[in-house]
């Protein structure tokens, strides 16, 4: 079960980000996913899921909002190949705080 009021509030934050184009990565992701054929509702819910994950990291680890980390998580949504362009020594786009080579880029 989910809290419909919380969901509405998070979707309102996404709408505000889209209207103000701040951060710009939210607007770019919205456009990219819309072109791929996702509905307005689906796109906003996908972005909202990433936003909730970022909020969790900020609150749990007592960190400030990191637009680069948020952008990296948005890049992992369907229709992009940005994750493949991450350098070995760059921070992992999954938001773990580790370098890519020590996280998702590790050879299994």
PDB file of N, CA and C in Angstrom:
ATOM      1  N   UNK A   1       0.840  -1.173   0.000  1.00  0.00           N
ATOM      2  CA  UNK A   1       0.000   0.000   0.000  1.00  0.00           C
ATOM      3  C   UNK A   1       0.892   1.246   0.000  1.00  0.00           C
ATOM      4  N   UNK A   2       0.428   2.295  -0.591  1.00  0.00           N
ATOM      5  CA  UNK A   2       1.187   3.537  -0.613  1.00  0.00           C
ATOM      6  C   UNK A   2       0.323   4.687  -0.097  1.00  0.00           C
ATOM      7  N   UNK A   3       0.975   5.739   0.266  1.00  0.00           N
ATOM      8  CA  UNK A   3       0.307   6.928   0.761  1.00  0.00           C
ATOM      9  C   UNK A   3       0.027   7.846  -0.428  1.00  0.00           C
ATOM     10  N   UNK A   4      -1.243   8.005  -0.790  1.00  0.00           N
ATOM     11  CA  UNK A   4      -1.586   8.787  -1.980  1.00  0.00           C
ATOM     12  C   UNK A   4      -1.228  10.266  -1.821  1.00  0.00           C
ATOM     13  N   UNK A   5      -1.208  10.757  -0.592  1.00  0.00           N
ATOM     14  CA  UNK A   5      -0.862  12.163  -0.364  1.00  0.00           C
ATOM     15  C   UNK A   5       0.639  12.396  -0.545  1.00  0.00           C
ATOM     16  N   UNK A   6       1.416  11.436  -0.080  1.00  0.00           N
ATOM     17  CA  UNK A   6       2.860  11.522  -0.271  1.00  0.00           C
ATOM     18  C   UNK A   6       3.209  11.430  -1.748  1.00  0.00           C
ATOM     19  N   UNK A   7       2.557  10.502  -2.447  1.00  0.00           N
ATOM     20  CA  UNK A   7       2.799  10.354  -3.890  1.00  0.00           C
ATOM     21  C   UNK A   7       2.445  11.647  -4.624  1.00  0.00           C
ATOM     22  N   UNK A   8       1.324  12.244  -4.270  1.00  0.00           N
ATOM     23  CA  UNK A   8       0.907  13.500  -4.902  1.00  0.00           C
ATOM     24  C   UNK A   8       1.923  14.605  -4.630  1.00  0.00           C
ATOM     25  N   UNK A   9       2.470  14.630  -3.422  1.00  0.00           N
ATOM     26  CA  UNK A   9       3.462  15.654  -3.072  1.00  0.00           C
ATOM     27  C   UNK A   9       4.755  15.462  -3.865  1.00  0.00           C
ATOM     28  N   UNK A  10       5.201  14.223  -3.996  1.00  0.00           N
ATOM     29  CA  UNK A  10       6.426  13.948  -4.757  1.00  0.00           C
ATOM     30  C   UNK A  10       6.217  14.285  -6.231  1.00  0.00           C
ATOM     31  N   UNK A  11       5.056  13.938  -6.775  1.00  0.00           N
ATOM     32  CA  UNK A  11       4.772  14.277  -8.176  1.00  0.00           C
ATOM     33  C   UNK A  11       4.685  15.793  -8.364  1.00  0.00           C
ATOM     34  N   UNK A  12       4.238  16.506  -7.347  1.00  0.00           N
ATOM     35  CA  UNK A  12       4.209  17.969  -7.412  1.00  0.00           C
ATOM     36  C   UNK A  12       5.630  18.530  -7.464  1.00  0.00           C
ATOM     37  N   UNK A  13       6.545  17.915  -6.719  1.00  0.00           N
ATOM     38  CA  UNK A  13       7.950  18.329  -6.765  1.00  0.00           C
ATOM     39  C   UNK A  13       8.506  18.114  -8.172  1.00  0.00           C
ATOM     40  N   UNK A  14       8.176  16.972  -8.778  1.00  0.00           N
ATOM     41  CA  UNK A  14       8.628  16.695 -10.150  1.00  0.00           C
ATOM     42  C   UNK A  14       8.065  17.748 -11.103  1.00  0.00           C
ATOM     43  N   UNK A  15       6.779  18.077 -10.960  1.00  0.00           N
ATOM     44  CA  UNK A  15       6.176  19.119 -11.800  1.00  0.00           C
ATOM     45  C   UNK A  15       6.898  20.455 -11.625  1.00  0.00           C
ATOM     46  N   UNK A  16       7.223  20.801 -10.383  1.00  0.00           N
ATOM     47  CA  UNK A  16       7.942  22.054 -10.124  1.00  0.00           C
ATOM     48  C   UNK A  16       9.322  22.045 -10.768  1.00  0.00           C
ATOM     49  N   UNK A  17      10.010  20.899 -10.690  1.00  0.00           N
ATOM     50  CA  UNK A  17      11.320  20.787 -11.334  1.00  0.00           C
ATOM     51  C   UNK A  17      11.191  20.956 -12.845  1.00  0.00           C
ATOM     52  N   UNK A  18      10.159  20.360 -13.420  1.00  0.00           N
ATOM     53  CA  UNK A  18       9.965  20.465 -14.864  1.00  0.00           C
ATOM     54  C   UNK A  18       9.613  21.893 -15.278  1.00  0.00           C
ATOM     55  N   UNK A  19       8.753  22.536 -14.523  1.00  0.00           N
ATOM     56  CA  UNK A  19       8.345  23.904 -14.859  1.00  0.00           C
ATOM     57  C   UNK A  19       9.492  24.900 -14.738  1.00  0.00           C
ATOM     58  N   UNK A  20      10.338  24.720 -13.727  1.00  0.00           N
ATOM     59  CA  UNK A  20      11.447  25.653 -13.523  1.00  0.00           C
ATOM     60  C   UNK A  20      12.718  25.220 -14.252  1.00  0.00           C
ATOM     61  N   UNK A  21      12.685  24.003 -14.817  1.00  0.00           N
ATOM     62  CA  UNK A  21      13.864  23.423 -15.482  1.00  0.00           C
ATOM     63  C   UNK A  21      15.075  23.435 -14.544  1.00  0.00           C
ATOM     64  N   UNK A  22      14.803  23.128 -13.280  1.00  0.00           N
ATOM     65  CA  UNK A  22      15.863  23.096 -12.277  1.00  0.00           C
ATOM     66  C   UNK A  22      15.661  21.899 -11.373  1.00  0.00           C
ATOM     67  N   UNK A  23      16.492  20.921 -11.411  1.00  0.00           N
ATOM     68  CA  UNK A  23      17.687  20.800 -12.232  1.00  0.00           C
ATOM     69  C   UNK A  23      17.331  20.447 -13.675  1.00  0.00           C
ATOM     70  N   UNK A  24      18.164  20.861 -14.579  1.00  0.00           N
ATOM     71  CA  UNK A  24      17.911  20.674 -16.002  1.00  0.00           C
ATOM     72  C   UNK A  24      17.861  19.200 -16.384  1.00  0.00           C
ATOM     73  N   UNK A  25      18.555  18.352 -15.644  1.00  0.00           N
ATOM     74  CA  UNK A  25      18.566  16.920 -15.964  1.00  0.00           C
ATOM     75  C   UNK A  25      17.164  16.316 -15.850  1.00  0.00           C
ATOM     76  N   UNK A  26      16.318  16.854 -14.987  1.00  0.00           N
ATOM     77  CA  UNK A  26      14.941  16.364 -14.870  1.00  0.00           C
ATOM     78  C   UNK A  26      14.178  16.669 -16.152  1.00  0.00           C
ATOM     79  N   UNK A  27      14.318  17.883 -16.646  1.00  0.00           N
ATOM     80  CA  UNK A  27      13.650  18.304 -17.882  1.00  0.00           C
ATOM     81  C   UNK A  27      14.147  17.489 -19.071  1.00  0.00           C
ATOM     82  N   UNK A  28      15.457  17.285 -19.158  1.00  0.00           N
ATOM     83  CA  UNK A  28      16.032  16.507 -20.259  1.00  0.00           C
ATOM     84  C   UNK A  28      15.559  15.061 -20.217  1.00  0.00           C
ATOM     85  N   UNK A  29      15.489  14.490 -19.026  1.00  0.00           N
ATOM     86  CA  UNK A  29      15.018  13.112 -18.878  1.00  0.00           C
ATOM     87  C   UNK A  29      13.552  13.005 -19.258  1.00  0.00           C
ATOM     88  N   UNK A  30      12.758  13.979 -18.858  1.00  0.00           N
ATOM     89  CA  UNK A  30      11.340  13.994 -19.221  1.00  0.00           C
ATOM     90  C   UNK A  30      11.189  13.980 -20.744  1.00  0.00           C
ATOM     91  N   UNK A  31      11.921  14.844 -21.416  1.00  0.00           N
ATOM     92  CA  UNK A  31      11.831  14.907 -22.878  1.00  0.00           C
ATOM     93  C   UNK A  31      12.298  13.606 -23.527  1.00  0.00           C
ATOM     94  N   UNK A  32      13.390  13.050 -23.021  1.00  0.00           N
ATOM     95  CA  UNK A  32      13.943  11.808 -23.594  1.00  0.00           C
ATOM     96  C   UNK A  32      12.949  10.660 -23.468  1.00  0.00           C
ATOM     97  N   UNK A  33      12.344  10.522 -22.300  1.00  0.00           N
ATOM     98  CA  UNK A  33      11.403   9.419 -22.089  1.00  0.00           C
ATOM     99  C   UNK A  33      10.088   9.636 -22.840  1.00  0.00           C
ATOM    100  N   UNK A  34       9.677  10.889 -22.986  1.00  0.00           N
ATOM    101  CA  UNK A  34       8.462  11.188 -23.743  1.00  0.00           C
ATOM    102  C   UNK A  34       8.632  10.815 -25.207  1.00  0.00           C
ATOM    103  N   UNK A  35       9.801  11.101 -25.758  1.00  0.00           N
ATOM    104  CA  UNK A  35      10.088  10.762 -27.161  1.00  0.00           C
ATOM    105  C   UNK A  35      10.071   9.248 -27.360  1.00  0.00           C
ATOM    106  N   UNK A  36      10.456   8.507 -26.323  1.00  0.00           N
ATOM    107  CA  UNK A  36      10.461   7.044 -26.423  1.00  0.00           C
ATOM    108  C   UNK A  36       9.066   6.443 -26.348  1.00  0.00           C
ATOM    109  N   UNK A  37       8.049   7.269 -26.090  1.00  0.00           N
ATOM    110  CA  UNK A  37       6.678   6.793 -26.108  1.00  0.00           C
ATOM    111  C   UNK A  37       6.039   6.565 -24.750  1.00  0.00           C
ATOM    112  N   UNK A  38       6.730   6.896 -23.686  1.00  0.00           N
ATOM    113  CA  UNK A  38       6.143   6.764 -22.360  1.00  0.00           C
ATOM    114  C   UNK A  38       5.120   7.878 -22.150  1.00  0.00           C
ATOM    115  N   UNK A  39       4.050   7.572 -21.432  1.00  0.00           N
ATOM    116  CA  UNK A  39       3.027   8.581 -21.163  1.00  0.00           C
ATOM    117  C   UNK A  39       3.557   9.602 -20.152  1.00  0.00           C
ATOM    118  N   UNK A  40       2.869  10.724 -20.081  1.00  0.00           N
ATOM    119  CA  UNK A  40       3.239  11.782 -19.146  1.00  0.00           C
ATOM    120  C   UNK A  40       3.271  11.234 -17.717  1.00  0.00           C
ATOM    121  N   UNK A  41       2.261  10.462 -17.365  1.00  0.00           N
ATOM    122  CA  UNK A  41       2.173   9.890 -16.020  1.00  0.00           C
ATOM    123  C   UNK A  41       3.327   8.925 -15.753  1.00  0.00           C
ATOM    124  N   UNK A  42       3.639   8.058 -16.714  1.00  0.00           N
ATOM    125  CA  UNK A  42       4.727   7.095 -16.539  1.00  0.00           C
ATOM    126  C   UNK A  42       6.060   7.802 -16.345  1.00  0.00           C
ATOM    127  N   UNK A  43       6.315   8.816 -17.164  1.00  0.00           N
ATOM    128  CA  UNK A  43       7.583   9.542 -17.085  1.00  0.00           C
ATOM    129  C   UNK A  43       7.726  10.213 -15.723  1.00  0.00           C
ATOM    130  N   UNK A  44       6.686  10.885 -15.289  1.00  0.00           N
ATOM    131  CA  UNK A  44       6.747  11.582 -13.999  1.00  0.00           C
ATOM    132  C   UNK A  44       6.916  10.604 -12.845  1.00  0.00           C
ATOM    133  N   UNK A  45       6.298   9.436 -12.931  1.00  0.00           N
ATOM    134  CA  UNK A  45       6.453   8.437 -11.870  1.00  0.00           C
ATOM    135  C   UNK A  45       7.865   7.855 -11.849  1.00  0.00           C
ATOM    136  N   UNK A  46       8.470   7.665 -13.029  1.00  0.00           N
ATOM    137  CA  UNK A  46       9.848   7.172 -13.072  1.00  0.00           C
ATOM    138  C   UNK A  46      10.803   8.195 -12.461  1.00  0.00           C
ATOM    139  N   UNK A  47      10.619   9.458 -12.826  1.00  0.00           N
ATOM    140  CA  UNK A  47      11.459  10.522 -12.270  1.00  0.00           C
ATOM    141  C   UNK A  47      11.224  10.631 -10.760  1.00  0.00           C
ATOM    142  N   UNK A  48       9.969  10.501 -10.342  1.00  0.00           N
ATOM    143  CA  UNK A  48       9.643  10.577  -8.914  1.00  0.00           C
ATOM    144  C   UNK A  48      10.326   9.458  -8.136  1.00  0.00           C
ATOM    145  N   UNK A  49      10.402   8.272  -8.727  1.00  0.00           N
ATOM    146  CA  UNK A  49      11.064   7.154  -8.050  1.00  0.00           C
ATOM    147  C   UNK A  49      12.541   7.457  -7.816  1.00  0.00           C
ATOM    148  N   UNK A  50      13.182   8.065  -8.804  1.00  0.00           N
ATOM    149  CA  UNK A  50      14.592   8.444  -8.655  1.00  0.00           C
ATOM    150  C   UNK A  50      14.717   9.549  -7.607  1.00  0.00           C
ATOM    151  N   UNK A  51      13.784  10.474  -7.616  1.00  0.00           N
ATOM    152  CA  UNK A  51      13.798  11.564  -6.640  1.00  0.00           C
ATOM    153  C   UNK A  51      13.656  11.037  -5.214  1.00  0.00           C
ATOM    154  N   UNK A  52      12.774  10.086  -5.012  1.00  0.00           N
ATOM    155  CA  UNK A  52      12.593   9.497  -3.680  1.00  0.00           C
ATOM    156  C   UNK A  52      13.872   8.794  -3.241  1.00  0.00           C
ATOM    157  N   UNK A  53      14.508   8.094  -4.172  1.00  0.00           N
ATOM    158  CA  UNK A  53      15.770   7.424  -3.844  1.00  0.00           C
ATOM    159  C   UNK A  53      16.830   8.439  -3.438  1.00  0.00           C
ATOM    160  N   UNK A  54      16.901   9.544  -4.154  1.00  0.00           N
ATOM    161  CA  UNK A  54      17.870  10.594  -3.819  1.00  0.00           C
ATOM    162  C   UNK A  54      17.552  11.216  -2.465  1.00  0.00           C
ATOM    163  N   UNK A  55      16.287  11.422  -2.184  1.00  0.00           N
ATOM    164  CA  UNK A  55      15.888  11.976  -0.891  1.00  0.00           C
ATOM    165  C   UNK A  55      16.273  11.024   0.241  1.00  0.00           C
ATOM    166  N   UNK A  56      16.128   9.739   0.000  1.00  0.00           N
ATOM    167  CA  UNK A  56      16.498   8.745   1.002  1.00  0.00           C
ATOM    168  C   UNK A  56      17.989   8.824   1.318  1.00  0.00           C
ATOM    169  N   UNK A  57      18.822   8.920   0.270  1.00  0.00           N
ATOM    170  CA  UNK A  57      20.273   9.010   0.466  1.00  0.00           C
ATOM    171  C   UNK A  57      20.619  10.281   1.239  1.00  0.00           C
ATOM    172  N   UNK A  58      19.995  11.389   0.874  1.00  0.00           N
ATOM    173  CA  UNK A  58      20.263  12.665   1.539  1.00  0.00           C
ATOM    174  C   UNK A  58      19.914  12.582   3.021  1.00  0.00           C
ATOM    175  N   UNK A  59      18.770  12.009   3.333  1.00  0.00           N
ATOM    176  CA  UNK A  59      18.347  11.931   4.731  1.00  0.00           C
ATOM    177  C   UNK A  59      19.119  10.878   5.518  1.00  0.00           C
ATOM    178  N   UNK A  60      19.325   9.714   4.937  1.00  0.00           N
ATOM    179  CA  UNK A  60      19.988   8.621   5.650  1.00  0.00           C
ATOM    180  C   UNK A  60      21.445   8.942   5.952  1.00  0.00           C
ATOM    181  N   UNK A  61      22.138   9.484   4.948  1.00  0.00           N
ATOM    182  CA  UNK A  61      23.568   9.731   5.091  1.00  0.00           C
ATOM    183  C   UNK A  61      23.879  11.172   5.459  1.00  0.00           C
ATOM    184  N   UNK A  62      22.844  11.963   5.750  1.00  0.00           N
ATOM    185  CA  UNK A  62      23.000  13.355   6.163  1.00  0.00           C
ATOM    186  C   UNK A  62      23.879  14.127   5.178  1.00  0.00           C
ATOM    187  N   UNK A  63      23.574  13.961   3.895  1.00  0.00           N
ATOM    188  CA  UNK A  63      24.315  14.637   2.833  1.00  0.00           C
ATOM    189  C   UNK A  63      23.449  15.720   2.225  1.00  0.00           C
ATOM    190  N   UNK A  64      24.084  16.595   1.473  1.00  0.00           N
ATOM    191  CA  UNK A  64      23.317  17.586   0.733  1.00  0.00           C
ATOM    192  C   UNK A  64      22.974  17.007  -0.641  1.00  0.00           C
ATOM    193  N   UNK A  65      21.993  17.617  -1.291  1.00  0.00           N
ATOM    194  CA  UNK A  65      21.583  17.174  -2.617  1.00  0.00           C
ATOM    195  C   UNK A  65      22.767  17.272  -3.570  1.00  0.00           C
ATOM    196  N   UNK A  66      23.012  16.221  -4.321  1.00  0.00           N
ATOM    197  CA  UNK A  66      24.113  16.169  -5.275  1.00  0.00           C
ATOM    198  C   UNK A  66      23.513  16.004  -6.669  1.00  0.00           C
ATOM    199  N   UNK A  67      23.511  17.096  -7.441  1.00  0.00           N
ATOM    200  CA  UNK A  67      22.886  17.064  -8.762  1.00  0.00           C
ATOM    201  C   UNK A  67      23.565  16.060  -9.686  1.00  0.00           C
ATOM    202  N   UNK A  68      24.869  15.899  -9.557  1.00  0.00           N
ATOM    203  CA  UNK A  68      25.582  14.945 -10.407  1.00  0.00           C
ATOM    204  C   UNK A  68      25.129  13.515 -10.105  1.00  0.00           C
ATOM    205  N   UNK A  69      24.963  13.189  -8.845  1.00  0.00           N
ATOM    206  CA  UNK A  69      24.489  11.853  -8.454  1.00  0.00           C
ATOM    207  C   UNK A  69      23.058  11.648  -8.943  1.00  0.00           C
ATOM    208  N   UNK A  70      22.207  12.662  -8.764  1.00  0.00           N
ATOM    209  CA  UNK A  70      20.815  12.602  -9.210  1.00  0.00           C
ATOM    210  C   UNK A  70      20.743  12.426 -10.722  1.00  0.00           C
ATOM    211  N   UNK A  71      21.564  13.180 -11.439  1.00  0.00           N
ATOM    212  CA  UNK A  71      21.612  13.081 -12.888  1.00  0.00           C
ATOM    213  C   UNK A  71      22.058  11.689 -13.335  1.00  0.00           C
ATOM    214  N   UNK A  72      23.018  11.131 -12.618  1.00  0.00           N
ATOM    215  CA  UNK A  72      23.490   9.784 -12.937  1.00  0.00           C
ATOM    216  C   UNK A  72      22.399   8.747 -12.768  1.00  0.00           C
ATOM    217  N   UNK A  73      21.585   8.905 -11.741  1.00  0.00           N
ATOM    218  CA  UNK A  73      20.476   7.974 -11.524  1.00  0.00           C
ATOM    219  C   UNK A  73      19.403   8.134 -12.597  1.00  0.00           C
ATOM    220  N   UNK A  74      19.137   9.380 -12.991  1.00  0.00           N
ATOM    221  CA  UNK A  74      18.174   9.609 -14.067  1.00  0.00           C
ATOM    222  C   UNK A  74      18.675   9.014 -15.380  1.00  0.00           C
ATOM    223  N   UNK A  75      19.981   9.051 -15.583  1.00  0.00           N
ATOM    224  CA  UNK A  75      20.565   8.505 -16.810  1.00  0.00           C
ATOM    225  C   UNK A  75      20.382   6.999 -16.908  1.00  0.00           C
ATOM    226  N   UNK A  76      20.157   6.342 -15.783  1.00  0.00           N
ATOM    227  CA  UNK A  76      19.965   4.893 -15.790  1.00  0.00           C
ATOM    228  C   UNK A  76      18.544   4.491 -16.180  1.00  0.00           C
ATOM    229  N   UNK A  77      17.642   5.466 -16.290  1.00  0.00           N
ATOM    230  CA  UNK A  77      16.291   5.156 -16.741  1.00  0.00           C
ATOM    231  C   UNK A  77      16.339   4.734 -18.212  1.00  0.00           C
ATOM    232  N   UNK A  78      15.317   4.058 -18.707  1.00  0.00           N
ATOM    233  CA  UNK A  78      15.341   3.524 -20.077  1.00  0.00           C
ATOM    234  C   UNK A  78      15.669   4.560 -21.141  1.00  0.00           C
ATOM    235  N   UNK A  79      16.299   4.085 -22.204  1.00  0.00           N
ATOM    236  CA  UNK A  79      16.522   4.914 -23.381  1.00  0.00           C
ATOM    237  C   UNK A  79      17.798   5.703 -23.399  1.00  0.00           C
ATOM    238  N   UNK A  80      18.747   5.361 -22.582  1.00  0.00           N
ATOM    239  CA  UNK A  80      20.016   6.075 -22.597  1.00  0.00           C
ATOM    240  C   UNK A  80      21.169   5.103 -22.466  1.00  0.00           C
ATOM    241  N   UNK A  81      22.284   5.522 -22.946  1.00  0.00           N
ATOM    242  CA  UNK A  81      23.474   4.702 -22.832  1.00  0.00           C
ATOM    243  C   UNK A  81      24.533   5.434 -22.035  1.00  0.00           C
ATOM    244  N   UNK A  82      24.129   6.416 -21.240  1.00  0.00           N
ATOM    245  CA  UNK A  82      25.065   7.212 -20.460  1.00  0.00           C
ATOM    246  C   UNK A  82      25.841   6.375 -19.451  1.00  0.00           C
ATOM    247  N   UNK A  83      25.192   5.347 -18.906  1.00  0.00           N
ATOM    248  CA  UNK A  83      25.867   4.533 -17.905  1.00  0.00           C
ATOM    249  C   UNK A  83      27.078   3.826 -18.491  1.00  0.00           C
ATOM    250  N   UNK A  84      27.039   3.512 -19.784  1.00  0.00           N
ATOM    251  CA  UNK A  84      28.153   2.827 -20.426  1.00  0.00           C
ATOM    252  C   UNK A  84      29.345   3.762 -20.624  1.00  0.00           C
ATOM    253  N   UNK A  85      29.128   5.073 -20.545  1.00  0.00           N
ATOM    254  CA  UNK A  85      30.186   6.051 -20.774  1.00  0.00           C
ATOM    255  C   UNK A  85      30.903   6.460 -19.490  1.00  0.00           C
ATOM    256  N   UNK A  86      30.553   5.869 -18.380  1.00  0.00           N
ATOM    257  CA  UNK A  86      31.161   6.229 -17.099  1.00  0.00           C
ATOM    258  C   UNK A  86      32.597   5.717 -17.079  1.00  0.00           C
ATOM    259  N   UNK A  87      33.530   6.594 -16.749  1.00  0.00           N
ATOM    260  CA  UNK A  87      34.930   6.198 -16.653  1.00  0.00           C
ATOM    261  C   UNK A  87      35.184   5.375 -15.396  1.00  0.00           C
ATOM    262  N   UNK A  88      36.205   4.543 -15.429  1.00  0.00           N
ATOM    263  CA  UNK A  88      36.528   3.659 -14.305  1.00  0.00           C
ATOM    264  C   UNK A  88      36.717   4.419 -12.997  1.00  0.00           C
ATOM    265  N   UNK A  89      37.343   5.581 -13.064  1.00  0.00           N
ATOM    266  CA  UNK A  89      37.665   6.324 -11.850  1.00  0.00           C
ATOM    267  C   UNK A  89      36.642   7.392 -11.488  1.00  0.00           C
ATOM    268  N   UNK A  90      35.524   7.438 -12.216  1.00  0.00           N
ATOM    269  CA  UNK A  90      34.454   8.376 -11.884  1.00  0.00           C
ATOM    270  C   UNK A  90      33.542   7.751 -10.837  1.00  0.00           C
ATOM    271  N   UNK A  91      32.767   8.601 -10.179  1.00  0.00           N
ATOM    272  CA  UNK A  91      31.817   8.103  -9.198  1.00  0.00           C
ATOM    273  C   UNK A  91      30.740   7.289  -9.905  1.00  0.00           C
ATOM    274  N   UNK A  92      30.301   6.229  -9.273  1.00  0.00           N
ATOM    275  CA  UNK A  92      29.302   5.342  -9.861  1.00  0.00           C
ATOM    276  C   UNK A  92      27.951   6.058  -9.945  1.00  0.00           C
ATOM    277  N   UNK A  93      27.253   5.985 -11.087  1.00  0.00           N
ATOM    278  CA  UNK A  93      25.972   6.666 -11.226  1.00  0.00           C
ATOM    279  C   UNK A  93      24.856   6.052 -10.386  1.00  0.00           C
ATOM    280  N   UNK A  94      25.105   4.906  -9.768  1.00  0.00           N
ATOM    281  CA  UNK A  94      24.054   4.288  -8.936  1.00  0.00           C
ATOM    282  C   UNK A  94      23.868   5.040  -7.632  1.00  0.00           C
ATOM    283  N   UNK A  95      24.804   5.926  -7.284  1.00  0.00           N
ATOM    284  CA  UNK A  95      24.667   6.724  -6.074  1.00  0.00           C
ATOM    285  C   UNK A  95      25.280   6.110  -4.840  1.00  0.00           C
ATOM    286  N   UNK A  96      26.073   5.072  -5.008  1.00  0.00           N
ATOM    287  CA  UNK A  96      26.669   4.398  -3.855  1.00  0.00           C
ATOM    288  C   UNK A  96      27.753   5.227  -3.171  1.00  0.00           C
ATOM    289  N   UNK A  97      28.327   6.167  -3.905  1.00  0.00           N
ATOM    290  CA  UNK A  97      29.420   6.963  -3.358  1.00  0.00           C
ATOM    291  C   UNK A  97      30.771   6.342  -3.629  1.00  0.00           C
ATOM    292  N   UNK A  98      30.787   5.192  -4.293  1.00  0.00           N
ATOM    293  CA  UNK A  98      32.041   4.520  -4.629  1.00  0.00           C
ATOM    294  C   UNK A  98      32.424   4.842  -6.069  1.00  0.00           C
ATOM    295  N   UNK A  99      33.690   4.609  -6.397  1.00  0.00           N
ATOM    296  CA  UNK A  99      34.114   4.744  -7.775  1.00  0.00           C
ATOM    297  C   UNK A  99      33.487   3.618  -8.598  1.00  0.00           C
ATOM    298  N   UNK A 100      33.250   3.905  -9.874  1.00  0.00           N
ATOM    299  CA  UNK A 100      32.601   2.945 -10.767  1.00  0.00           C
ATOM    300  C   UNK A 100      33.336   1.611 -10.786  1.00  0.00           C
ATOM    301  N   UNK A 101      34.678   1.655 -10.789  1.00  0.00           N
ATOM    302  CA  UNK A 101      35.460   0.419 -10.869  1.00  0.00           C
ATOM    303  C   UNK A 101      35.309  -0.454  -9.624  1.00  0.00           C
ATOM    304  N   UNK A 102      34.930   0.138  -8.494  1.00  0.00           N
ATOM    305  CA  UNK A 102      34.753  -0.607  -7.249  1.00  0.00           C
ATOM    306  C   UNK A 102      33.287  -0.956  -6.986  1.00  0.00           C
ATOM    307  N   UNK A 103      32.411  -0.549  -7.908  1.00  0.00           N
ATOM    308  CA  UNK A 103      30.978  -0.759  -7.689  1.00  0.00           C
ATOM    309  C   UNK A 103      30.370  -1.511  -8.866  1.00  0.00           C
ATOM    310  N   UNK A 104      29.590  -0.834  -9.677  1.00  0.00           N
ATOM    311  CA  UNK A 104      28.903  -1.489 -10.788  1.00  0.00           C
ATOM    312  C   UNK A 104      29.826  -1.895 -11.923  1.00  0.00           C
ATOM    313  N   UNK A 105      31.011  -1.290 -12.011  1.00  0.00           N
ATOM    314  CA  UNK A 105      31.953  -1.619 -13.068  1.00  0.00           C
ATOM    315  C   UNK A 105      32.874  -2.768 -12.749  1.00  0.00           C
ATOM    316  N   UNK A 106      32.690  -3.362 -11.587  1.00  0.00           N
ATOM    317  CA  UNK A 106      33.558  -4.466 -11.165  1.00  0.00           C
ATOM    318  C   UNK A 106      33.296  -5.687 -12.038  1.00  0.00           C
ATOM    319  N   UNK A 107      34.364  -6.303 -12.491  1.00  0.00           N
ATOM    320  CA  UNK A 107      34.261  -7.525 -13.279  1.00  0.00           C
ATOM    321  C   UNK A 107      33.837  -8.662 -12.375  1.00  0.00           C
ATOM    322  N   UNK A 108      32.806  -9.369 -12.741  1.00  0.00           N
ATOM    323  CA  UNK A 108      32.299 -10.473 -11.923  1.00  0.00           C
ATOM    324  C   UNK A 108      32.977 -11.775 -12.307  1.00  0.00           C
TER     325      UNK A 108
END
